[in-house]
Amino acid sequence: MYSSARTSDVLTVLASQEGDRLTVGEIVAVLRDRAFALLVVLLGLPNCLPMPPPIPLICGLLLMLVAAQIAAGMSAPWLPRMLLGRSIARSDVERAVNRAVPLLRRLERWSRPRMSVFESALGMRGMGLILLTLAMALIVAAPVVGQIPLGLAVCLVGLGLVERDGVVVLVGLGIGALGVALNAGFVYAIVAGIMSLFHL
């Protein structure tokens, strides 16, 4: 089923799982053979909406772990057993998926395999390093203003990797660069404020 299903279909299946909560292990099991790229999409999704702490922090830390494995050239994601048992409310997953699926389906109608440079082993390692940068920015992201561009960027990069569409990946990277710049300014303002407060 999953080898030919579109991203929106797989996420819809994920949101329709039974039970009040979904464990990380159950989520990875649904994603199956496209776990890396779809995990990237899934970790970006909550940040496309205004989410309270610590959701951006958790997503950023998990994305760092996934990105590091992509950069290392691993063929499938590895997650600690303790993490696989952690759970998230299914209603939160469903809310994020329901918001994202209409947009994903519009993108999927337009998306097609092109610019295959990102499919090579070297290209994927490079994407891992870029995603690592986005993950670190997400961890220190300003609420809403800094969080949403990064979430959108991560989603688009993941979607582009799933659909093998380099143009979508590049659009995501462009938005990601804007998000990183916004959050760099946010961090600089905080550091400058602290230094000014203590007359450093």
N, C-alpha and C. Protein backbone atom coordinates (compact mmCIF):
# COMPACT_ATOMS: atom_id res chain seq x y z
N MET A 1 0.82 -1.21 0.00
CA MET A 1 0.00 0.00 0.00
C MET A 1 0.85 1.26 0.00
N TYR A 2 1.90 1.32 0.85
CA TYR A 2 2.60 2.56 1.07
C TYR A 2 3.58 2.91 -0.02
N SER A 3 4.01 1.92 -0.81
CA SER A 3 4.98 2.23 -1.85
C SER A 3 4.40 3.12 -2.92
N SER A 4 3.06 3.08 -3.15
CA SER A 4 2.44 3.89 -4.19
C SER A 4 1.54 4.98 -3.64
N ALA A 5 1.24 4.94 -2.35
CA ALA A 5 0.34 5.94 -1.75
C ALA A 5 1.02 7.30 -1.70
N ARG A 6 0.24 8.35 -1.83
CA ARG A 6 0.77 9.70 -1.70
C ARG A 6 0.92 10.04 -0.23
N THR A 7 1.67 11.10 0.03
CA THR A 7 1.92 11.53 1.41
C THR A 7 0.63 11.81 2.15
N SER A 8 -0.31 12.49 1.50
CA SER A 8 -1.58 12.83 2.16
C SER A 8 -2.34 11.57 2.56
N ASP A 9 -2.28 10.52 1.74
CA ASP A 9 -2.99 9.28 2.06
C ASP A 9 -2.39 8.59 3.29
N VAL A 10 -1.06 8.55 3.34
CA VAL A 10 -0.39 7.91 4.47
C VAL A 10 -0.69 8.66 5.76
N LEU A 11 -0.66 9.99 5.72
CA LEU A 11 -0.95 10.77 6.92
C LEU A 11 -2.41 10.63 7.35
N THR A 12 -3.32 10.49 6.38
CA THR A 12 -4.72 10.27 6.71
C THR A 12 -4.90 8.94 7.44
N VAL A 13 -4.21 7.91 6.96
CA VAL A 13 -4.24 6.61 7.65
C VAL A 13 -3.71 6.76 9.07
N LEU A 14 -2.65 7.53 9.22
CA LEU A 14 -2.06 7.73 10.55
C LEU A 14 -3.06 8.40 11.50
N ALA A 15 -3.75 9.43 11.01
CA ALA A 15 -4.69 10.16 11.86
C ALA A 15 -5.92 9.33 12.21
N SER A 16 -6.20 8.27 11.45
CA SER A 16 -7.40 7.46 11.69
C SER A 16 -7.11 6.23 12.55
N GLN A 17 -5.90 6.15 13.11
CA GLN A 17 -5.58 5.02 13.99
C GLN A 17 -6.49 5.01 15.21
N GLU A 18 -6.75 3.81 15.74
CA GLU A 18 -7.62 3.69 16.91
C GLU A 18 -6.88 4.08 18.18
N GLY A 19 -7.65 4.43 19.20
CA GLY A 19 -7.08 4.77 20.50
C GLY A 19 -6.97 6.26 20.70
N ASP A 20 -6.83 6.66 21.96
CA ASP A 20 -6.73 8.08 22.30
C ASP A 20 -5.34 8.64 22.10
N ARG A 21 -4.33 7.75 22.13
CA ARG A 21 -2.95 8.20 21.99
C ARG A 21 -2.21 7.31 21.00
N LEU A 22 -1.22 7.89 20.35
CA LEU A 22 -0.37 7.15 19.42
C LEU A 22 1.06 7.17 19.94
N THR A 23 1.69 6.00 20.00
CA THR A 23 3.09 5.97 20.39
C THR A 23 3.96 6.29 19.18
N VAL A 24 5.19 6.71 19.46
CA VAL A 24 6.13 6.99 18.37
C VAL A 24 6.37 5.72 17.54
N GLY A 25 6.41 4.57 18.22
CA GLY A 25 6.60 3.30 17.51
C GLY A 25 5.47 3.02 16.55
N GLU A 26 4.23 3.31 16.95
CA GLU A 26 3.08 3.10 16.07
C GLU A 26 3.13 4.03 14.87
N ILE A 27 3.58 5.26 15.09
CA ILE A 27 3.68 6.22 14.00
C ILE A 27 4.71 5.75 12.97
N VAL A 28 5.89 5.30 13.45
CA VAL A 28 6.93 4.83 12.55
C VAL A 28 6.46 3.60 11.78
N ALA A 29 5.68 2.72 12.44
CA ALA A 29 5.17 1.51 11.78
C ALA A 29 4.24 1.87 10.63
N VAL A 30 3.43 2.91 10.79
CA VAL A 30 2.52 3.34 9.72
C VAL A 30 3.32 3.91 8.54
N LEU A 31 4.39 4.62 8.84
CA LEU A 31 5.17 5.27 7.79
C LEU A 31 5.96 4.26 6.95
N ARG A 32 6.37 3.17 7.56
CA ARG A 32 7.03 2.05 6.89
C ARG A 32 8.20 2.46 6.01
N ASP A 33 8.13 2.10 4.70
CA ASP A 33 9.31 2.20 3.84
C ASP A 33 9.73 3.63 3.53
N ARG A 34 8.88 4.60 3.83
CA ARG A 34 9.27 5.99 3.60
C ARG A 34 9.41 6.73 4.92
N ALA A 35 9.83 5.99 5.94
CA ALA A 35 9.82 6.53 7.30
C ALA A 35 10.65 7.79 7.44
N PHE A 36 11.84 7.85 6.85
CA PHE A 36 12.69 9.03 7.02
C PHE A 36 11.99 10.29 6.52
N ALA A 37 11.60 10.28 5.24
CA ALA A 37 11.02 11.49 4.65
C ALA A 37 9.68 11.84 5.29
N LEU A 38 8.87 10.83 5.58
CA LEU A 38 7.56 11.12 6.19
C LEU A 38 7.69 11.54 7.65
N LEU A 39 8.72 11.05 8.34
CA LEU A 39 8.97 11.54 9.69
C LEU A 39 9.32 13.03 9.64
N VAL A 40 10.07 13.43 8.64
CA VAL A 40 10.40 14.85 8.48
C VAL A 40 9.13 15.66 8.30
N VAL A 41 8.22 15.19 7.42
CA VAL A 41 6.94 15.88 7.22
C VAL A 41 6.17 15.94 8.53
N LEU A 42 6.10 14.82 9.22
CA LEU A 42 5.30 14.73 10.44
C LEU A 42 5.85 15.61 11.55
N LEU A 43 7.17 15.73 11.63
CA LEU A 43 7.77 16.57 12.67
C LEU A 43 7.63 18.06 12.33
N GLY A 44 7.46 18.37 11.06
CA GLY A 44 7.23 19.76 10.69
C GLY A 44 5.79 20.20 10.88
N LEU A 45 4.84 19.26 10.70
CA LEU A 45 3.42 19.59 10.72
C LEU A 45 2.95 20.37 11.95
N PRO A 46 3.25 19.89 13.17
CA PRO A 46 2.73 20.62 14.34
C PRO A 46 3.20 22.07 14.40
N ASN A 47 4.35 22.33 13.81
CA ASN A 47 4.92 23.68 13.88
C ASN A 47 4.37 24.61 12.80
N CYS A 48 3.52 24.08 11.94
CA CYS A 48 2.83 24.94 10.96
C CYS A 48 1.64 25.63 11.60
N LEU A 49 1.32 25.24 12.83
CA LEU A 49 0.23 25.83 13.60
C LEU A 49 0.82 26.43 14.88
N PRO A 50 0.16 27.44 15.45
CA PRO A 50 0.64 27.95 16.75
C PRO A 50 0.51 26.85 17.80
N MET A 51 1.63 26.37 18.29
CA MET A 51 1.65 25.29 19.27
C MET A 51 2.36 25.75 20.54
N PRO A 52 1.83 25.37 21.70
CA PRO A 52 2.46 25.77 22.96
C PRO A 52 3.72 24.97 23.23
N PRO A 53 4.62 25.52 24.05
CA PRO A 53 5.76 24.72 24.49
C PRO A 53 5.25 23.49 25.23
N PRO A 54 5.95 22.36 25.22
CA PRO A 54 7.28 22.18 24.62
C PRO A 54 7.23 21.52 23.25
N ILE A 55 6.10 21.61 22.53
CA ILE A 55 5.96 20.89 21.26
C ILE A 55 7.05 21.27 20.25
N PRO A 56 7.34 22.58 20.01
CA PRO A 56 8.43 22.89 19.07
C PRO A 56 9.78 22.32 19.53
N LEU A 57 10.03 22.35 20.84
CA LEU A 57 11.28 21.81 21.36
C LEU A 57 11.38 20.30 21.11
N ILE A 58 10.30 19.58 21.40
CA ILE A 58 10.29 18.13 21.20
C ILE A 58 10.46 17.79 19.72
N CYS A 59 9.71 18.49 18.86
CA CYS A 59 9.82 18.25 17.42
C CYS A 59 11.23 18.55 16.93
N GLY A 60 11.82 19.64 17.44
CA GLY A 60 13.17 20.00 17.04
C GLY A 60 14.19 18.96 17.46
N LEU A 61 14.08 18.43 18.68
CA LEU A 61 15.01 17.41 19.15
C LEU A 61 14.88 16.11 18.35
N LEU A 62 13.62 15.72 18.08
CA LEU A 62 13.41 14.51 17.29
C LEU A 62 13.92 14.69 15.86
N LEU A 63 13.69 15.88 15.31
CA LEU A 63 14.17 16.16 13.95
C LEU A 63 15.69 16.14 13.91
N MET A 64 16.35 16.61 14.97
CA MET A 64 17.81 16.54 15.03
C MET A 64 18.28 15.10 14.95
N LEU A 65 17.60 14.22 15.68
CA LEU A 65 17.97 12.80 15.69
C LEU A 65 17.79 12.18 14.30
N VAL A 66 16.65 12.49 13.66
CA VAL A 66 16.37 11.95 12.32
C VAL A 66 17.36 12.52 11.30
N ALA A 67 17.60 13.84 11.37
CA ALA A 67 18.50 14.49 10.42
C ALA A 67 19.92 13.95 10.53
N ALA A 68 20.37 13.71 11.76
CA ALA A 68 21.73 13.18 11.97
C ALA A 68 21.86 11.80 11.32
N GLN A 69 20.81 11.01 11.38
CA GLN A 69 20.86 9.67 10.77
C GLN A 69 20.83 9.75 9.25
N ILE A 70 20.07 10.72 8.71
CA ILE A 70 20.09 10.92 7.25
C ILE A 70 21.48 11.34 6.81
N ALA A 71 22.09 12.28 7.56
CA ALA A 71 23.43 12.75 7.23
C ALA A 71 24.46 11.64 7.33
N ALA A 72 24.22 10.68 8.22
CA ALA A 72 25.14 9.56 8.39
C ALA A 72 24.95 8.48 7.34
N GLY A 73 23.92 8.63 6.50
CA GLY A 73 23.70 7.67 5.42
C GLY A 73 22.94 6.43 5.82
N MET A 74 22.23 6.47 6.95
CA MET A 74 21.47 5.30 7.39
C MET A 74 20.27 5.08 6.46
N SER A 75 19.90 3.82 6.25
CA SER A 75 18.82 3.50 5.32
C SER A 75 17.45 3.53 5.97
N ALA A 76 17.39 3.41 7.28
CA ALA A 76 16.11 3.44 8.00
C ALA A 76 16.33 4.09 9.35
N PRO A 77 15.32 4.79 9.87
CA PRO A 77 15.51 5.49 11.13
C PRO A 77 15.64 4.55 12.32
N TRP A 78 16.52 4.93 13.25
CA TRP A 78 16.65 4.23 14.52
C TRP A 78 16.23 5.18 15.63
N LEU A 79 15.36 4.72 16.49
CA LEU A 79 14.92 5.51 17.63
C LEU A 79 15.08 4.67 18.89
N PRO A 80 15.51 5.29 19.99
CA PRO A 80 15.66 4.54 21.24
C PRO A 80 14.34 3.90 21.67
N ARG A 81 14.44 2.71 22.27
CA ARG A 81 13.23 2.00 22.69
C ARG A 81 12.38 2.85 23.63
N MET A 82 13.04 3.61 24.50
CA MET A 82 12.32 4.48 25.43
C MET A 82 11.48 5.50 24.67
N LEU A 83 12.05 6.04 23.58
CA LEU A 83 11.35 7.04 22.78
C LEU A 83 10.20 6.42 22.01
N LEU A 84 10.39 5.18 21.52
CA LEU A 84 9.34 4.51 20.75
C LEU A 84 8.08 4.31 21.59
N GLY A 85 8.24 4.24 22.90
CA GLY A 85 7.10 4.04 23.77
C GLY A 85 6.39 5.32 24.16
N ARG A 86 7.00 6.46 23.86
CA ARG A 86 6.36 7.74 24.17
C ARG A 86 5.14 7.94 23.27
N SER A 87 4.16 8.67 23.78
CA SER A 87 2.92 8.81 23.01
C SER A 87 2.51 10.28 22.89
N ILE A 88 1.64 10.50 21.90
CA ILE A 88 1.06 11.82 21.68
C ILE A 88 -0.43 11.64 21.48
N ALA A 89 -1.21 12.60 21.89
CA ALA A 89 -2.66 12.50 21.76
C ALA A 89 -3.04 12.37 20.28
N ARG A 90 -3.86 11.37 19.96
CA ARG A 90 -4.27 11.17 18.57
C ARG A 90 -5.01 12.40 18.05
N SER A 91 -5.74 13.09 18.94
CA SER A 91 -6.49 14.28 18.52
C SER A 91 -5.54 15.37 18.03
N ASP A 92 -4.34 15.48 18.64
CA ASP A 92 -3.36 16.47 18.18
C ASP A 92 -2.83 16.10 16.80
N VAL A 93 -2.56 14.80 16.60
CA VAL A 93 -2.10 14.33 15.29
C VAL A 93 -3.20 14.58 14.25
N GLU A 94 -4.43 14.25 14.61
CA GLU A 94 -5.55 14.40 13.68
C GLU A 94 -5.76 15.87 13.30
N ARG A 95 -5.63 16.76 14.28
CA ARG A 95 -5.82 18.20 14.01
C ARG A 95 -4.77 18.70 13.03
N ALA A 96 -3.51 18.33 13.26
CA ALA A 96 -2.44 18.78 12.37
C ALA A 96 -2.60 18.19 10.97
N VAL A 97 -2.95 16.90 10.90
CA VAL A 97 -3.12 16.24 9.60
C VAL A 97 -4.29 16.84 8.83
N ASN A 98 -5.40 17.08 9.52
CA ASN A 98 -6.59 17.63 8.86
C ASN A 98 -6.33 19.02 8.29
N ARG A 99 -5.48 19.79 8.98
CA ARG A 99 -5.13 21.11 8.47
C ARG A 99 -4.20 21.00 7.25
N ALA A 100 -3.33 20.00 7.28
CA ALA A 100 -2.29 19.90 6.26
C ALA A 100 -2.74 19.18 4.99
N VAL A 101 -3.64 18.20 5.12
CA VAL A 101 -3.98 17.34 3.98
C VAL A 101 -4.52 18.11 2.78
N PRO A 102 -5.44 19.08 2.93
CA PRO A 102 -5.92 19.80 1.74
C PRO A 102 -4.78 20.48 0.98
N LEU A 103 -3.84 21.09 1.71
CA LEU A 103 -2.70 21.74 1.06
C LEU A 103 -1.79 20.71 0.42
N LEU A 104 -1.54 19.59 1.13
CA LEU A 104 -0.69 18.54 0.58
C LEU A 104 -1.26 18.00 -0.72
N ARG A 105 -2.58 17.81 -0.77
CA ARG A 105 -3.20 17.26 -1.98
C ARG A 105 -3.07 18.23 -3.16
N ARG A 106 -3.15 19.53 -2.88
CA ARG A 106 -2.95 20.50 -3.96
C ARG A 106 -1.51 20.45 -4.45
N LEU A 107 -0.56 20.34 -3.51
CA LEU A 107 0.84 20.25 -3.90
C LEU A 107 1.13 18.97 -4.67
N GLU A 108 0.51 17.88 -4.26
CA GLU A 108 0.73 16.58 -4.92
C GLU A 108 0.23 16.58 -6.35
N ARG A 109 -0.83 17.34 -6.63
CA ARG A 109 -1.33 17.42 -8.00
C ARG A 109 -0.32 18.13 -8.91
N TRP A 110 0.44 19.04 -8.31
CA TRP A 110 1.41 19.83 -9.08
C TRP A 110 2.79 19.18 -9.07
N SER A 111 3.08 18.43 -8.02
CA SER A 111 4.42 17.85 -7.84
C SER A 111 4.65 16.65 -8.74
N ARG A 112 5.91 16.47 -9.15
CA ARG A 112 6.30 15.30 -9.94
C ARG A 112 7.80 15.10 -9.78
N PRO A 113 8.32 13.92 -10.07
CA PRO A 113 9.76 13.68 -9.96
C PRO A 113 10.55 14.59 -10.90
N ARG A 114 11.47 15.37 -10.34
CA ARG A 114 12.34 16.25 -11.13
C ARG A 114 13.51 16.71 -10.25
N MET A 115 14.58 17.15 -10.88
CA MET A 115 15.79 17.56 -10.17
C MET A 115 16.23 16.48 -9.20
N SER A 116 16.65 15.35 -9.73
CA SER A 116 16.93 14.16 -8.92
C SER A 116 18.23 14.24 -8.13
N VAL A 117 18.90 15.41 -8.13
CA VAL A 117 20.16 15.53 -7.41
C VAL A 117 20.02 15.17 -5.94
N PHE A 118 18.82 15.41 -5.38
CA PHE A 118 18.60 15.13 -3.96
C PHE A 118 18.42 13.64 -3.68
N GLU A 119 18.27 12.84 -4.72
CA GLU A 119 18.07 11.40 -4.53
C GLU A 119 19.37 10.64 -4.35
N SER A 120 20.49 11.24 -4.74
CA SER A 120 21.77 10.55 -4.62
C SER A 120 22.17 10.42 -3.15
N ALA A 121 23.08 9.49 -2.88
CA ALA A 121 23.53 9.28 -1.50
C ALA A 121 24.17 10.56 -0.95
N LEU A 122 24.98 11.23 -1.78
CA LEU A 122 25.62 12.47 -1.35
C LEU A 122 24.58 13.57 -1.13
N GLY A 123 23.59 13.63 -2.04
CA GLY A 123 22.54 14.63 -1.90
C GLY A 123 21.73 14.44 -0.64
N MET A 124 21.42 13.19 -0.30
CA MET A 124 20.65 12.91 0.92
C MET A 124 21.46 13.26 2.16
N ARG A 125 22.76 12.99 2.14
CA ARG A 125 23.60 13.37 3.28
C ARG A 125 23.61 14.89 3.47
N GLY A 126 23.67 15.60 2.34
CA GLY A 126 23.60 17.06 2.40
C GLY A 126 22.27 17.54 2.96
N MET A 127 21.19 16.88 2.55
CA MET A 127 19.87 17.24 3.08
C MET A 127 19.81 17.00 4.59
N GLY A 128 20.47 15.92 5.04
CA GLY A 128 20.52 15.65 6.47
C GLY A 128 21.16 16.79 7.23
N LEU A 129 22.25 17.33 6.70
CA LEU A 129 22.94 18.44 7.36
C LEU A 129 22.08 19.70 7.37
N ILE A 130 21.37 19.95 6.26
CA ILE A 130 20.48 21.12 6.20
C ILE A 130 19.33 20.97 7.19
N LEU A 131 18.75 19.77 7.26
CA LEU A 131 17.66 19.52 8.20
C LEU A 131 18.15 19.65 9.65
N LEU A 132 19.40 19.30 9.88
CA LEU A 132 19.98 19.46 11.21
C LEU A 132 20.02 20.93 11.59
N THR A 133 20.35 21.78 10.64
CA THR A 133 20.36 23.23 10.88
C THR A 133 18.95 23.74 11.18
N LEU A 134 17.97 23.28 10.40
CA LEU A 134 16.58 23.69 10.63
C LEU A 134 16.09 23.21 11.98
N ALA A 135 16.50 22.02 12.38
CA ALA A 135 16.09 21.48 13.68
C ALA A 135 16.64 22.31 14.82
N MET A 136 17.90 22.71 14.72
CA MET A 136 18.51 23.54 15.77
C MET A 136 17.82 24.90 15.84
N ALA A 137 17.45 25.44 14.68
CA ALA A 137 16.72 26.71 14.66
C ALA A 137 15.34 26.55 15.29
N LEU A 138 14.70 25.41 15.05
CA LEU A 138 13.37 25.16 15.61
C LEU A 138 13.41 25.10 17.13
N ILE A 139 14.50 24.56 17.67
CA ILE A 139 14.62 24.43 19.12
C ILE A 139 14.62 25.80 19.81
N VAL A 140 15.21 26.80 19.16
CA VAL A 140 15.29 28.14 19.76
C VAL A 140 14.31 29.11 19.09
N ALA A 141 13.35 28.57 18.33
CA ALA A 141 12.47 29.42 17.52
C ALA A 141 11.60 30.34 18.38
N ALA A 142 11.41 31.55 17.88
CA ALA A 142 10.46 32.46 18.51
C ALA A 142 9.06 31.89 18.34
N PRO A 143 8.20 32.01 19.35
CA PRO A 143 6.83 31.47 19.23
C PRO A 143 6.12 32.06 18.01
N VAL A 144 5.45 31.21 17.27
CA VAL A 144 4.61 31.55 16.12
C VAL A 144 5.42 32.16 14.97
N VAL A 145 5.93 33.37 15.16
CA VAL A 145 6.61 34.09 14.07
C VAL A 145 7.81 33.31 13.55
N GLY A 146 8.59 32.74 14.45
CA GLY A 146 9.75 31.98 14.02
C GLY A 146 9.46 30.52 13.82
N GLN A 147 8.46 30.03 14.53
CA GLN A 147 8.13 28.60 14.50
C GLN A 147 7.46 28.18 13.19
N ILE A 148 6.47 28.94 12.74
CA ILE A 148 5.67 28.55 11.59
C ILE A 148 6.47 28.48 10.28
N PRO A 149 7.34 29.47 9.96
CA PRO A 149 8.14 29.33 8.73
C PRO A 149 9.03 28.08 8.74
N LEU A 150 9.60 27.77 9.90
CA LEU A 150 10.45 26.59 9.99
C LEU A 150 9.64 25.31 9.84
N GLY A 151 8.45 25.28 10.46
CA GLY A 151 7.58 24.11 10.32
C GLY A 151 7.18 23.89 8.87
N LEU A 152 6.83 24.97 8.18
CA LEU A 152 6.45 24.89 6.77
C LEU A 152 7.64 24.43 5.92
N ALA A 153 8.82 24.96 6.22
CA ALA A 153 10.02 24.58 5.47
C ALA A 153 10.32 23.09 5.63
N VAL A 154 10.26 22.60 6.86
CA VAL A 154 10.53 21.19 7.13
C VAL A 154 9.53 20.30 6.39
N CYS A 155 8.25 20.69 6.43
CA CYS A 155 7.21 19.93 5.74
C CYS A 155 7.47 19.86 4.24
N LEU A 156 7.81 20.99 3.64
CA LEU A 156 8.03 21.03 2.19
C LEU A 156 9.26 20.22 1.80
N VAL A 157 10.32 20.30 2.58
CA VAL A 157 11.51 19.50 2.29
C VAL A 157 11.18 18.01 2.37
N GLY A 158 10.47 17.62 3.43
CA GLY A 158 10.08 16.22 3.56
C GLY A 158 9.18 15.77 2.43
N LEU A 159 8.21 16.60 2.07
CA LEU A 159 7.31 16.27 0.97
C LEU A 159 8.07 16.15 -0.35
N GLY A 160 9.01 17.07 -0.57
CA GLY A 160 9.80 17.01 -1.79
C GLY A 160 10.63 15.74 -1.87
N LEU A 161 11.14 15.28 -0.72
CA LEU A 161 11.91 14.04 -0.70
C LEU A 161 11.01 12.83 -0.97
N VAL A 162 9.81 12.83 -0.40
CA VAL A 162 8.87 11.73 -0.64
C VAL A 162 8.48 11.67 -2.11
N GLU A 163 8.16 12.83 -2.67
CA GLU A 163 7.68 12.89 -4.05
C GLU A 163 8.82 12.95 -5.07
N ARG A 164 10.05 12.98 -4.59
CA ARG A 164 11.23 13.07 -5.45
C ARG A 164 11.18 14.32 -6.33
N ASP A 165 10.73 15.42 -5.72
CA ASP A 165 10.57 16.67 -6.43
C ASP A 165 11.56 17.70 -5.88
N GLY A 166 12.64 17.92 -6.62
CA GLY A 166 13.67 18.85 -6.17
C GLY A 166 13.19 20.28 -6.10
N VAL A 167 12.20 20.65 -6.91
CA VAL A 167 11.68 22.02 -6.88
C VAL A 167 11.00 22.29 -5.54
N VAL A 168 10.19 21.35 -5.06
CA VAL A 168 9.54 21.51 -3.77
C VAL A 168 10.58 21.58 -2.65
N VAL A 169 11.63 20.77 -2.76
CA VAL A 169 12.71 20.82 -1.77
C VAL A 169 13.34 22.22 -1.75
N LEU A 170 13.60 22.78 -2.93
CA LEU A 170 14.23 24.10 -3.00
C LEU A 170 13.32 25.19 -2.44
N VAL A 171 12.01 25.09 -2.70
CA VAL A 171 11.08 26.06 -2.12
C VAL A 171 11.13 25.97 -0.59
N GLY A 172 11.13 24.72 -0.08
CA GLY A 172 11.23 24.53 1.36
C GLY A 172 12.51 25.11 1.93
N LEU A 173 13.62 24.93 1.23
CA LEU A 173 14.89 25.47 1.69
C LEU A 173 14.89 26.99 1.70
N GLY A 174 14.22 27.59 0.71
CA GLY A 174 14.13 29.05 0.68
C GLY A 174 13.36 29.58 1.88
N ILE A 175 12.22 28.95 2.18
CA ILE A 175 11.44 29.35 3.35
C ILE A 175 12.23 29.08 4.63
N GLY A 176 12.97 27.96 4.63
CA GLY A 176 13.80 27.63 5.79
C GLY A 176 14.87 28.68 6.05
N ALA A 177 15.48 29.18 4.98
CA ALA A 177 16.51 30.22 5.13
C ALA A 177 15.90 31.47 5.76
N LEU A 178 14.68 31.82 5.34
CA LEU A 178 13.98 32.96 5.94
C LEU A 178 13.71 32.71 7.42
N GLY A 179 13.25 31.47 7.73
CA GLY A 179 12.97 31.13 9.12
C GLY A 179 14.21 31.18 10.00
N VAL A 180 15.33 30.66 9.47
CA VAL A 180 16.58 30.69 10.23
C VAL A 180 17.01 32.14 10.48
N ALA A 181 16.87 33.00 9.46
CA ALA A 181 17.25 34.41 9.61
C ALA A 181 16.38 35.10 10.66
N LEU A 182 15.07 34.83 10.64
CA LEU A 182 14.17 35.43 11.64
C LEU A 182 14.56 35.01 13.05
N ASN A 183 14.88 33.73 13.21
CA ASN A 183 15.20 33.23 14.54
C ASN A 183 16.60 33.63 14.99
N ALA A 184 17.51 33.82 14.04
CA ALA A 184 18.83 34.34 14.39
C ALA A 184 18.69 35.75 14.96
N GLY A 185 17.81 36.54 14.34
CA GLY A 185 17.54 37.89 14.86
C GLY A 185 16.91 37.84 16.24
N PHE A 186 16.01 36.89 16.44
CA PHE A 186 15.35 36.72 17.75
C PHE A 186 16.37 36.38 18.83
N VAL A 187 17.25 35.42 18.54
CA VAL A 187 18.29 35.01 19.51
C VAL A 187 19.25 36.17 19.78
N TYR A 188 19.63 36.89 18.70
CA TYR A 188 20.53 38.04 18.87
C TYR A 188 19.90 39.09 19.78
N ALA A 189 18.61 39.36 19.59
CA ALA A 189 17.93 40.37 20.40
C ALA A 189 17.91 39.96 21.88
N ILE A 190 17.70 38.67 22.14
CA ILE A 190 17.68 38.19 23.52
C ILE A 190 19.07 38.32 24.15
N VAL A 191 20.11 37.88 23.42
CA VAL A 191 21.48 37.96 23.95
C VAL A 191 21.89 39.41 24.17
N ALA A 192 21.56 40.29 23.21
CA ALA A 192 21.89 41.71 23.34
C ALA A 192 21.17 42.32 24.53
N GLY A 193 19.90 41.92 24.74
CA GLY A 193 19.13 42.43 25.88
C GLY A 193 19.74 42.01 27.20
N ILE A 194 20.17 40.75 27.28
CA ILE A 194 20.80 40.24 28.52
C ILE A 194 22.11 40.97 28.79
N MET A 195 22.92 41.14 27.74
CA MET A 195 24.20 41.83 27.91
C MET A 195 24.00 43.28 28.33
N SER A 196 22.98 43.92 27.76
CA SER A 196 22.68 45.29 28.13
C SER A 196 22.21 45.38 29.58
N LEU A 197 21.41 44.39 30.00
CA LEU A 197 20.88 44.38 31.36
C LEU A 197 21.99 44.30 32.39
N PHE A 198 23.01 43.51 32.06
CA PHE A 198 24.12 43.34 33.00
C PHE A 198 25.32 44.22 32.65
N HIS A 199 25.10 45.16 31.71
CA HIS A 199 26.14 46.13 31.31
C HIS A 199 27.43 45.44 30.85
N LEU A 200 27.24 44.36 30.06
CA LEU A 200 28.41 43.62 29.56
C LEU A 200 28.90 44.21 28.24
